[in-house]
Amino acid sequence: MLLSKVSKAFSDDNRLKILKYLSDGERNVTQVADKLNVEENLASHHLRVLATLGFLKSDKKGREVFYKINDVKFVSLIKDLKKSKVFREIILRALDE
């Protein structure tokens, strides 16, 4: 995975808030927008960016789309970062804390 893609995904505070919110379970666009106190179209944009990069999975239930964290993508990201000595040391330090 390219670092530039990861950087893009995590470059916005709202996207980081979305990831934290979704770590408690799947949510639809309305729930995400309400939690962030933003318009649904903005929440949808951020969800789409994260999903396009693979960090979220989506599941359509009727007329609604629910988003959840893509665990596999985050594991892949950690494995990629672990290949770098600097990031490996950071990861190991973080796990010790």
PDB file of N, CA and C in Angstrom:
ATOM      1  N   MET A   1       0.854  -1.177   0.000  1.00  0.00           N
ATOM      2  CA  MET A   1       0.000   0.000   0.000  1.00  0.00           C
ATOM      3  C   MET A   1       0.897   1.236   0.000  1.00  0.00           C
ATOM      4  N   LEU A   2       0.533   2.173  -0.789  1.00  0.00           N
ATOM      5  CA  LEU A   2       1.327   3.388  -0.871  1.00  0.00           C
ATOM      6  C   LEU A   2       1.061   4.293   0.321  1.00  0.00           C
ATOM      7  N   LEU A   3       2.131   4.847   0.852  1.00  0.00           N
ATOM      8  CA  LEU A   3       2.012   5.752   1.984  1.00  0.00           C
ATOM      9  C   LEU A   3       1.158   6.961   1.644  1.00  0.00           C
ATOM     10  N   SER A   4       1.194   7.387   0.385  1.00  0.00           N
ATOM     11  CA  SER A   4       0.390   8.553  -0.009  1.00  0.00           C
ATOM     12  C   SER A   4      -1.099   8.266   0.129  1.00  0.00           C
ATOM     13  N   LYS A   5      -1.513   7.033  -0.139  1.00  0.00           N
ATOM     14  CA  LYS A   5      -2.927   6.667   0.022  1.00  0.00           C
ATOM     15  C   LYS A   5      -3.332   6.677   1.494  1.00  0.00           C
ATOM     16  N   VAL A   6      -2.469   6.145   2.328  1.00  0.00           N
ATOM     17  CA  VAL A   6      -2.749   6.139   3.758  1.00  0.00           C
ATOM     18  C   VAL A   6      -2.810   7.568   4.276  1.00  0.00           C
ATOM     19  N   SER A   7      -1.864   8.365   3.825  1.00  0.00           N
ATOM     20  CA  SER A   7      -1.830   9.764   4.229  1.00  0.00           C
ATOM     21  C   SER A   7      -3.120  10.472   3.842  1.00  0.00           C
ATOM     22  N   LYS A   8      -3.612  10.210   2.640  1.00  0.00           N
ATOM     23  CA  LYS A   8      -4.861  10.824   2.194  1.00  0.00           C
ATOM     24  C   LYS A   8      -6.027  10.384   3.078  1.00  0.00           C
ATOM     25  N   ALA A   9      -6.069   9.120   3.395  1.00  0.00           N
ATOM     26  CA  ALA A   9      -7.176   8.601   4.207  1.00  0.00           C
ATOM     27  C   ALA A   9      -7.198   9.217   5.595  1.00  0.00           C
ATOM     28  N   PHE A  10      -6.028   9.438   6.146  1.00  0.00           N
ATOM     29  CA  PHE A  10      -5.948   9.915   7.525  1.00  0.00           C
ATOM     30  C   PHE A  10      -5.666  11.406   7.633  1.00  0.00           C
ATOM     31  N   SER A  11      -5.783  12.126   6.533  1.00  0.00           N
ATOM     32  CA  SER A  11      -5.433  13.542   6.527  1.00  0.00           C
ATOM     33  C   SER A  11      -6.536  14.450   7.054  1.00  0.00           C
ATOM     34  N   ASP A  12      -7.677  13.907   7.338  1.00  0.00           N
ATOM     35  CA  ASP A  12      -8.813  14.714   7.765  1.00  0.00           C
ATOM     36  C   ASP A  12      -9.298  14.236   9.137  1.00  0.00           C
ATOM     37  N   ASP A  13      -9.509  15.165  10.049  1.00  0.00           N
ATOM     38  CA  ASP A  13      -9.973  14.818  11.395  1.00  0.00           C
ATOM     39  C   ASP A  13     -11.292  14.066  11.370  1.00  0.00           C
ATOM     40  N   ASN A  14     -12.192  14.440  10.456  1.00  0.00           N
ATOM     41  CA  ASN A  14     -13.477  13.751  10.385  1.00  0.00           C
ATOM     42  C   ASN A  14     -13.306  12.279  10.027  1.00  0.00           C
ATOM     43  N   ARG A  15     -12.356  11.968   9.167  1.00  0.00           N
ATOM     44  CA  ARG A  15     -12.123  10.567   8.804  1.00  0.00           C
ATOM     45  C   ARG A  15     -11.590   9.786   9.996  1.00  0.00           C
ATOM     46  N   LEU A  16     -10.732  10.399  10.773  1.00  0.00           N
ATOM     47  CA  LEU A  16     -10.228   9.740  11.970  1.00  0.00           C
ATOM     48  C   LEU A  16     -11.357   9.530  12.984  1.00  0.00           C
ATOM     49  N   LYS A  17     -12.233  10.514  13.105  1.00  0.00           N
ATOM     50  CA  LYS A  17     -13.395  10.374  13.992  1.00  0.00           C
ATOM     51  C   LYS A  17     -14.313   9.263  13.507  1.00  0.00           C
ATOM     52  N   ILE A  18     -14.486   9.164  12.205  1.00  0.00           N
ATOM     53  CA  ILE A  18     -15.319   8.099  11.638  1.00  0.00           C
ATOM     54  C   ILE A  18     -14.732   6.734  11.979  1.00  0.00           C
ATOM     55  N   LEU A  19     -13.434   6.579  11.801  1.00  0.00           N
ATOM     56  CA  LEU A  19     -12.794   5.301  12.114  1.00  0.00           C
ATOM     57  C   LEU A  19     -12.973   4.946  13.585  1.00  0.00           C
ATOM     58  N   LYS A  20     -12.815   5.931  14.442  1.00  0.00           N
ATOM     59  CA  LYS A  20     -13.005   5.678  15.877  1.00  0.00           C
ATOM     60  C   LYS A  20     -14.456   5.286  16.159  1.00  0.00           C
ATOM     61  N   TYR A  21     -15.404   5.997  15.567  1.00  0.00           N
ATOM     62  CA  TYR A  21     -16.822   5.717  15.762  1.00  0.00           C
ATOM     63  C   TYR A  21     -17.181   4.324  15.248  1.00  0.00           C
ATOM     64  N   LEU A  22     -16.656   3.959  14.098  1.00  0.00           N
ATOM     65  CA  LEU A  22     -16.957   2.655  13.526  1.00  0.00           C
ATOM     66  C   LEU A  22     -16.249   1.513  14.251  1.00  0.00           C
ATOM     67  N   SER A  23     -15.274   1.830  15.075  1.00  0.00           N
ATOM     68  CA  SER A  23     -14.610   0.770  15.835  1.00  0.00           C
ATOM     69  C   SER A  23     -15.559   0.144  16.857  1.00  0.00           C
ATOM     70  N   ASP A  24     -16.676   0.829  17.138  1.00  0.00           N
ATOM     71  CA  ASP A  24     -17.696   0.282  18.044  1.00  0.00           C
ATOM     72  C   ASP A  24     -18.769  -0.513  17.314  1.00  0.00           C
ATOM     73  N   GLY A  25     -18.712  -0.559  15.980  1.00  0.00           N
ATOM     74  CA  GLY A  25     -19.689  -1.317  15.213  1.00  0.00           C
ATOM     75  C   GLY A  25     -20.095  -0.588  13.950  1.00  0.00           C
ATOM     76  N   GLU A  26     -20.859  -1.287  13.115  1.00  0.00           N
ATOM     77  CA  GLU A  26     -21.237  -0.698  11.837  1.00  0.00           C
ATOM     78  C   GLU A  26     -22.282   0.400  12.012  1.00  0.00           C
ATOM     79  N   ARG A  27     -22.241   1.358  11.101  1.00  0.00           N
ATOM     80  CA  ARG A  27     -23.152   2.509  11.139  1.00  0.00           C
ATOM     81  C   ARG A  27     -23.524   2.897   9.711  1.00  0.00           C
ATOM     82  N   ASN A  28     -24.664   3.564   9.567  1.00  0.00           N
ATOM     83  CA  ASN A  28     -25.043   4.081   8.259  1.00  0.00           C
ATOM     84  C   ASN A  28     -24.639   5.556   8.158  1.00  0.00           C
ATOM     85  N   VAL A  29     -24.834   6.138   6.988  1.00  0.00           N
ATOM     86  CA  VAL A  29     -24.408   7.511   6.732  1.00  0.00           C
ATOM     87  C   VAL A  29     -25.090   8.488   7.696  1.00  0.00           C
ATOM     88  N   THR A  30     -26.367   8.303   7.934  1.00  0.00           N
ATOM     89  CA  THR A  30     -27.105   9.208   8.822  1.00  0.00           C
ATOM     90  C   THR A  30     -26.515   9.198  10.227  1.00  0.00           C
ATOM     91  N   GLN A  31     -26.209   8.024  10.724  1.00  0.00           N
ATOM     92  CA  GLN A  31     -25.627   7.916  12.064  1.00  0.00           C
ATOM     93  C   GLN A  31     -24.261   8.592  12.125  1.00  0.00           C
ATOM     94  N   VAL A  32     -23.463   8.397  11.101  1.00  0.00           N
ATOM     95  CA  VAL A  32     -22.130   9.019  11.055  1.00  0.00           C
ATOM     96  C   VAL A  32     -22.263  10.535  10.984  1.00  0.00           C
ATOM     97  N   ALA A  33     -23.157  11.020  10.129  1.00  0.00           N
ATOM     98  CA  ALA A  33     -23.363  12.466   9.996  1.00  0.00           C
ATOM     99  C   ALA A  33     -23.824  13.072  11.321  1.00  0.00           C
ATOM    100  N   ASP A  34     -24.748  12.407  11.991  1.00  0.00           N
ATOM    101  CA  ASP A  34     -25.233  12.901  13.287  1.00  0.00           C
ATOM    102  C   ASP A  34     -24.112  12.936  14.322  1.00  0.00           C
ATOM    103  N   LYS A  35     -23.309  11.888  14.355  1.00  0.00           N
ATOM    104  CA  LYS A  35     -22.206  11.819  15.322  1.00  0.00           C
ATOM    105  C   LYS A  35     -21.193  12.939  15.084  1.00  0.00           C
ATOM    106  N   LEU A  36     -20.888  13.220  13.809  1.00  0.00           N
ATOM    107  CA  LEU A  36     -19.904  14.248  13.479  1.00  0.00           C
ATOM    108  C   LEU A  36     -20.505  15.649  13.436  1.00  0.00           C
ATOM    109  N   ASN A  37     -21.830  15.705  13.474  1.00  0.00           N
ATOM    110  CA  ASN A  37     -22.545  16.985  13.368  1.00  0.00           C
ATOM    111  C   ASN A  37     -22.217  17.679  12.040  1.00  0.00           C
ATOM    112  N   VAL A  38     -22.316  16.893  10.953  1.00  0.00           N
ATOM    113  CA  VAL A  38     -22.086  17.406   9.606  1.00  0.00           C
ATOM    114  C   VAL A  38     -23.243  16.972   8.713  1.00  0.00           C
ATOM    115  N   GLU A  39     -23.321  17.568   7.528  1.00  0.00           N
ATOM    116  CA  GLU A  39     -24.337  17.176   6.553  1.00  0.00           C
ATOM    117  C   GLU A  39     -24.053  15.755   6.061  1.00  0.00           C
ATOM    118  N   GLU A  40     -25.107  15.058   5.675  1.00  0.00           N
ATOM    119  CA  GLU A  40     -24.952  13.683   5.211  1.00  0.00           C
ATOM    120  C   GLU A  40     -24.053  13.581   3.981  1.00  0.00           C
ATOM    121  N   ASN A  41     -24.125  14.570   3.083  1.00  0.00           N
ATOM    122  CA  ASN A  41     -23.283  14.481   1.884  1.00  0.00           C
ATOM    123  C   ASN A  41     -21.796  14.560   2.232  1.00  0.00           C
ATOM    124  N   LEU A  42     -21.439  15.315   3.261  1.00  0.00           N
ATOM    125  CA  LEU A  42     -20.039  15.380   3.688  1.00  0.00           C
ATOM    126  C   LEU A  42     -19.618  14.068   4.356  1.00  0.00           C
ATOM    127  N   ALA A  43     -20.488  13.542   5.210  1.00  0.00           N
ATOM    128  CA  ALA A  43     -20.194  12.253   5.846  1.00  0.00           C
ATOM    129  C   ALA A  43     -20.050  11.168   4.779  1.00  0.00           C
ATOM    130  N   SER A  44     -20.932  11.196   3.787  1.00  0.00           N
ATOM    131  CA  SER A  44     -20.885  10.226   2.705  1.00  0.00           C
ATOM    132  C   SER A  44     -19.574  10.336   1.927  1.00  0.00           C
ATOM    133  N   HIS A  45     -19.122  11.553   1.698  1.00  0.00           N
ATOM    134  CA  HIS A  45     -17.844  11.765   1.001  1.00  0.00           C
ATOM    135  C   HIS A  45     -16.692  11.118   1.777  1.00  0.00           C
ATOM    136  N   HIS A  46     -16.629  11.386   3.076  1.00  0.00           N
ATOM    137  CA  HIS A  46     -15.541  10.830   3.888  1.00  0.00           C
ATOM    138  C   HIS A  46     -15.623   9.304   3.938  1.00  0.00           C
ATOM    139  N   LEU A  47     -16.822   8.772   4.066  1.00  0.00           N
ATOM    140  CA  LEU A  47     -16.988   7.320   4.064  1.00  0.00           C
ATOM    141  C   LEU A  47     -16.534   6.723   2.739  1.00  0.00           C
ATOM    142  N   ARG A  48     -16.853   7.395   1.647  1.00  0.00           N
ATOM    143  CA  ARG A  48     -16.471   6.924   0.319  1.00  0.00           C
ATOM    144  C   ARG A  48     -14.946   6.927   0.154  1.00  0.00           C
ATOM    145  N   VAL A  49     -14.284   7.971   0.654  1.00  0.00           N
ATOM    146  CA  VAL A  49     -12.814   8.024   0.576  1.00  0.00           C
ATOM    147  C   VAL A  49     -12.209   6.839   1.326  1.00  0.00           C
ATOM    148  N   LEU A  50     -12.670   6.606   2.537  1.00  0.00           N
ATOM    149  CA  LEU A  50     -12.137   5.508   3.345  1.00  0.00           C
ATOM    150  C   LEU A  50     -12.455   4.147   2.725  1.00  0.00           C
ATOM    151  N   ALA A  51     -13.660   4.011   2.170  1.00  0.00           N
ATOM    152  CA  ALA A  51     -14.058   2.740   1.550  1.00  0.00           C
ATOM    153  C   ALA A  51     -13.276   2.493   0.259  1.00  0.00           C
ATOM    154  N   THR A  52     -13.087   3.532  -0.539  1.00  0.00           N
ATOM    155  CA  THR A  52     -12.348   3.390  -1.799  1.00  0.00           C
ATOM    156  C   THR A  52     -10.917   2.937  -1.545  1.00  0.00           C
ATOM    157  N   LEU A  53     -10.337   3.402  -0.465  1.00  0.00           N
ATOM    158  CA  LEU A  53      -8.971   3.004  -0.113  1.00  0.00           C
ATOM    159  C   LEU A  53      -8.930   1.656   0.608  1.00  0.00           C
ATOM    160  N   GLY A  54     -10.113   1.093   0.879  1.00  0.00           N
ATOM    161  CA  GLY A  54     -10.180  -0.242   1.461  1.00  0.00           C
ATOM    162  C   GLY A  54     -10.263  -0.294   2.968  1.00  0.00           C
ATOM    163  N   PHE A  55     -10.289   0.849   3.627  1.00  0.00           N
ATOM    164  CA  PHE A  55     -10.312   0.854   5.089  1.00  0.00           C
ATOM    165  C   PHE A  55     -11.690   0.536   5.668  1.00  0.00           C
ATOM    166  N   LEU A  56     -12.726   0.635   4.844  1.00  0.00           N
ATOM    167  CA  LEU A  56     -14.084   0.315   5.274  1.00  0.00           C
ATOM    168  C   LEU A  56     -14.703  -0.697   4.332  1.00  0.00           C
ATOM    169  N   LYS A  57     -15.570  -1.516   4.889  1.00  0.00           N
ATOM    170  CA  LYS A  57     -16.420  -2.401   4.100  1.00  0.00           C
ATOM    171  C   LYS A  57     -17.827  -1.838   4.180  1.00  0.00           C
ATOM    172  N   SER A  58     -18.600  -2.067   3.141  1.00  0.00           N
ATOM    173  CA  SER A  58     -19.983  -1.608   3.160  1.00  0.00           C
ATOM    174  C   SER A  58     -20.914  -2.791   2.946  1.00  0.00           C
ATOM    175  N   ASP A  59     -22.094  -2.686   3.535  1.00  0.00           N
ATOM    176  CA  ASP A  59     -23.092  -3.733   3.447  1.00  0.00           C
ATOM    177  C   ASP A  59     -24.449  -3.076   3.255  1.00  0.00           C
ATOM    178  N   LYS A  60     -25.079  -3.351   2.133  1.00  0.00           N
ATOM    179  CA  LYS A  60     -26.365  -2.736   1.846  1.00  0.00           C
ATOM    180  C   LYS A  60     -27.468  -3.578   2.485  1.00  0.00           C
ATOM    181  N   LYS A  61     -28.288  -2.903   3.285  1.00  0.00           N
ATOM    182  CA  LYS A  61     -29.424  -3.552   3.942  1.00  0.00           C
ATOM    183  C   LYS A  61     -30.667  -2.761   3.560  1.00  0.00           C
ATOM    184  N   GLY A  62     -31.413  -3.311   2.614  1.00  0.00           N
ATOM    185  CA  GLY A  62     -32.555  -2.567   2.097  1.00  0.00           C
ATOM    186  C   GLY A  62     -32.063  -1.364   1.323  1.00  0.00           C
ATOM    187  N   ARG A  63     -32.526  -0.183   1.726  1.00  0.00           N
ATOM    188  CA  ARG A  63     -32.133   1.050   1.038  1.00  0.00           C
ATOM    189  C   ARG A  63     -30.944   1.738   1.706  1.00  0.00           C
ATOM    190  N   GLU A  64     -30.487   1.187   2.821  1.00  0.00           N
ATOM    191  CA  GLU A  64     -29.388   1.820   3.557  1.00  0.00           C
ATOM    192  C   GLU A  64     -28.083   1.052   3.373  1.00  0.00           C
ATOM    193  N   VAL A  65     -27.000   1.796   3.412  1.00  0.00           N
ATOM    194  CA  VAL A  65     -25.672   1.205   3.352  1.00  0.00           C
ATOM    195  C   VAL A  65     -25.025   1.388   4.718  1.00  0.00           C
ATOM    196  N   PHE A  66     -24.538   0.298   5.272  1.00  0.00           N
ATOM    197  CA  PHE A  66     -23.861   0.333   6.558  1.00  0.00           C
ATOM    198  C   PHE A  66     -22.371   0.101   6.333  1.00  0.00           C
ATOM    199  N   TYR A  67     -21.569   0.853   7.068  1.00  0.00           N
ATOM    200  CA  TYR A  67     -20.115   0.782   6.938  1.00  0.00           C
ATOM    201  C   TYR A  67     -19.514   0.208   8.207  1.00  0.00           C
ATOM    202  N   LYS A  68     -18.426  -0.545   8.008  1.00  0.00           N
ATOM    203  CA  LYS A  68     -17.689  -1.084   9.152  1.00  0.00           C
ATOM    204  C   LYS A  68     -16.207  -1.119   8.805  1.00  0.00           C
ATOM    205  N   ILE A  69     -15.396  -1.236   9.825  1.00  0.00           N
ATOM    206  CA  ILE A  69     -13.939  -1.291   9.666  1.00  0.00           C
ATOM    207  C   ILE A  69     -13.554  -2.562   8.902  1.00  0.00           C
ATOM    208  N   ASN A  70     -12.628  -2.428   7.968  1.00  0.00           N
ATOM    209  CA  ASN A  70     -12.082  -3.575   7.253  1.00  0.00           C
ATOM    210  C   ASN A  70     -10.817  -4.019   7.984  1.00  0.00           C
ATOM    211  N   ASP A  71     -10.968  -4.992   8.875  1.00  0.00           N
ATOM    212  CA  ASP A  71      -9.844  -5.471   9.689  1.00  0.00           C
ATOM    213  C   ASP A  71      -8.672  -5.925   8.829  1.00  0.00           C
ATOM    214  N   VAL A  72      -8.961  -6.609   7.743  1.00  0.00           N
ATOM    215  CA  VAL A  72      -7.911  -7.149   6.881  1.00  0.00           C
ATOM    216  C   VAL A  72      -7.023  -6.034   6.342  1.00  0.00           C
ATOM    217  N   LYS A  73      -7.616  -4.920   5.973  1.00  0.00           N
ATOM    218  CA  LYS A  73      -6.848  -3.796   5.431  1.00  0.00           C
ATOM    219  C   LYS A  73      -5.927  -3.202   6.492  1.00  0.00           C
ATOM    220  N   PHE A  74      -6.421  -3.101   7.714  1.00  0.00           N
ATOM    221  CA  PHE A  74      -5.579  -2.548   8.773  1.00  0.00           C
ATOM    222  C   PHE A  74      -4.440  -3.500   9.126  1.00  0.00           C
ATOM    223  N   VAL A  75      -4.698  -4.791   9.101  1.00  0.00           N
ATOM    224  CA  VAL A  75      -3.625  -5.768   9.331  1.00  0.00           C
ATOM    225  C   VAL A  75      -2.576  -5.641   8.232  1.00  0.00           C
ATOM    226  N   SER A  76      -3.031  -5.501   7.000  1.00  0.00           N
ATOM    227  CA  SER A  76      -2.111  -5.320   5.877  1.00  0.00           C
ATOM    228  C   SER A  76      -1.278  -4.057   6.036  1.00  0.00           C
ATOM    229  N   LEU A  77      -1.924  -2.982   6.475  1.00  0.00           N
ATOM    230  CA  LEU A  77      -1.209  -1.720   6.707  1.00  0.00           C
ATOM    231  C   LEU A  77      -0.124  -1.893   7.763  1.00  0.00           C
ATOM    232  N   ILE A  78      -0.467  -2.554   8.849  1.00  0.00           N
ATOM    233  CA  ILE A  78       0.512  -2.773   9.923  1.00  0.00           C
ATOM    234  C   ILE A  78       1.673  -3.630   9.419  1.00  0.00           C
ATOM    235  N   LYS A  79       1.356  -4.655   8.647  1.00  0.00           N
ATOM    236  CA  LYS A  79       2.423  -5.501   8.084  1.00  0.00           C
ATOM    237  C   LYS A  79       3.329  -4.691   7.164  1.00  0.00           C
ATOM    238  N   ASP A  80       2.730  -3.832   6.338  1.00  0.00           N
ATOM    239  CA  ASP A  80       3.536  -2.987   5.447  1.00  0.00           C
ATOM    240  C   ASP A  80       4.425  -2.036   6.241  1.00  0.00           C
ATOM    241  N   LEU A  81       3.853  -1.417   7.269  1.00  0.00           N
ATOM    242  CA  LEU A  81       4.635  -0.489   8.087  1.00  0.00           C
ATOM    243  C   LEU A  81       5.743  -1.216   8.845  1.00  0.00           C
ATOM    244  N   LYS A  82       5.453  -2.439   9.252  1.00  0.00           N
ATOM    245  CA  LYS A  82       6.418  -3.222  10.019  1.00  0.00           C
ATOM    246  C   LYS A  82       7.683  -3.531   9.203  1.00  0.00           C
ATOM    247  N   LYS A  83       7.594  -3.476   7.886  1.00  0.00           N
ATOM    248  CA  LYS A  83       8.756  -3.739   7.023  1.00  0.00           C
ATOM    249  C   LYS A  83       9.817  -2.655   7.148  1.00  0.00           C
ATOM    250  N   SER A  84       9.405  -1.471   7.582  1.00  0.00           N
ATOM    251  CA  SER A  84      10.341  -0.372   7.777  1.00  0.00           C
ATOM    252  C   SER A  84      10.853  -0.422   9.218  1.00  0.00           C
ATOM    253  N   LYS A  85      12.166  -0.335   9.381  1.00  0.00           N
ATOM    254  CA  LYS A  85      12.764  -0.403  10.716  1.00  0.00           C
ATOM    255  C   LYS A  85      12.198   0.676  11.637  1.00  0.00           C
ATOM    256  N   VAL A  86      12.070   1.886  11.133  1.00  0.00           N
ATOM    257  CA  VAL A  86      11.573   3.003  11.945  1.00  0.00           C
ATOM    258  C   VAL A  86      10.144   2.734  12.408  1.00  0.00           C
ATOM    259  N   PHE A  87       9.264   2.355  11.466  1.00  0.00           N
ATOM    260  CA  PHE A  87       7.872   2.107  11.830  1.00  0.00           C
ATOM    261  C   PHE A  87       7.740   0.871  12.725  1.00  0.00           C
ATOM    262  N   ARG A  88       8.564  -0.146  12.484  1.00  0.00           N
ATOM    263  CA  ARG A  88       8.533  -1.346  13.324  1.00  0.00           C
ATOM    264  C   ARG A  88       8.833  -0.977  14.778  1.00  0.00           C
ATOM    265  N   GLU A  89       9.829  -0.137  14.979  1.00  0.00           N
ATOM    266  CA  GLU A  89      10.173   0.299  16.336  1.00  0.00           C
ATOM    267  C   GLU A  89       9.032   1.103  16.957  1.00  0.00           C
ATOM    268  N   ILE A  90       8.391   1.945  16.175  1.00  0.00           N
ATOM    269  CA  ILE A  90       7.258   2.728  16.675  1.00  0.00           C
ATOM    270  C   ILE A  90       6.114   1.811  17.070  1.00  0.00           C
ATOM    271  N   ILE A  91       5.818   0.822  16.221  1.00  0.00           N
ATOM    272  CA  ILE A  91       4.734  -0.115  16.508  1.00  0.00           C
ATOM    273  C   ILE A  91       5.033  -0.894  17.780  1.00  0.00           C
ATOM    274  N   LEU A  92       6.244  -1.398  17.911  1.00  0.00           N
ATOM    275  CA  LEU A  92       6.612  -2.165  19.091  1.00  0.00           C
ATOM    276  C   LEU A  92       6.546  -1.310  20.359  1.00  0.00           C
ATOM    277  N   ARG A  93       6.987  -0.054  20.254  1.00  0.00           N
ATOM    278  CA  ARG A  93       6.906   0.865  21.387  1.00  0.00           C
ATOM    279  C   ARG A  93       5.457   1.102  21.780  1.00  0.00           C
ATOM    280  N   ALA A  94       4.605   1.278  20.794  1.00  0.00           N
ATOM    281  CA  ALA A  94       3.181   1.533  21.061  1.00  0.00           C
ATOM    282  C   ALA A  94       2.532   0.326  21.720  1.00  0.00           C
ATOM    283  N   LEU A  95       2.929  -0.875  21.322  1.00  0.00           N
ATOM    284  CA  LEU A  95       2.348  -2.078  21.910  1.00  0.00           C
ATOM    285  C   LEU A  95       2.790  -2.282  23.349  1.00  0.00           C
ATOM    286  N   ASP A  96       3.960  -1.757  23.679  1.00  0.00           N
ATOM    287  CA  ASP A  96       4.463  -1.873  25.052  1.00  0.00           C
ATOM    288  C   ASP A  96       3.746  -0.947  26.014  1.00  0.00           C
ATOM    289  N   GLU A  97       3.171   0.139  25.491  1.00  0.00           N
ATOM    290  CA  GLU A  97       2.532   1.143  26.353  1.00  0.00           C
ATOM    291  C   GLU A  97       1.194   0.710  26.860  1.00  0.00           C
TER     292      GLU A  97
END
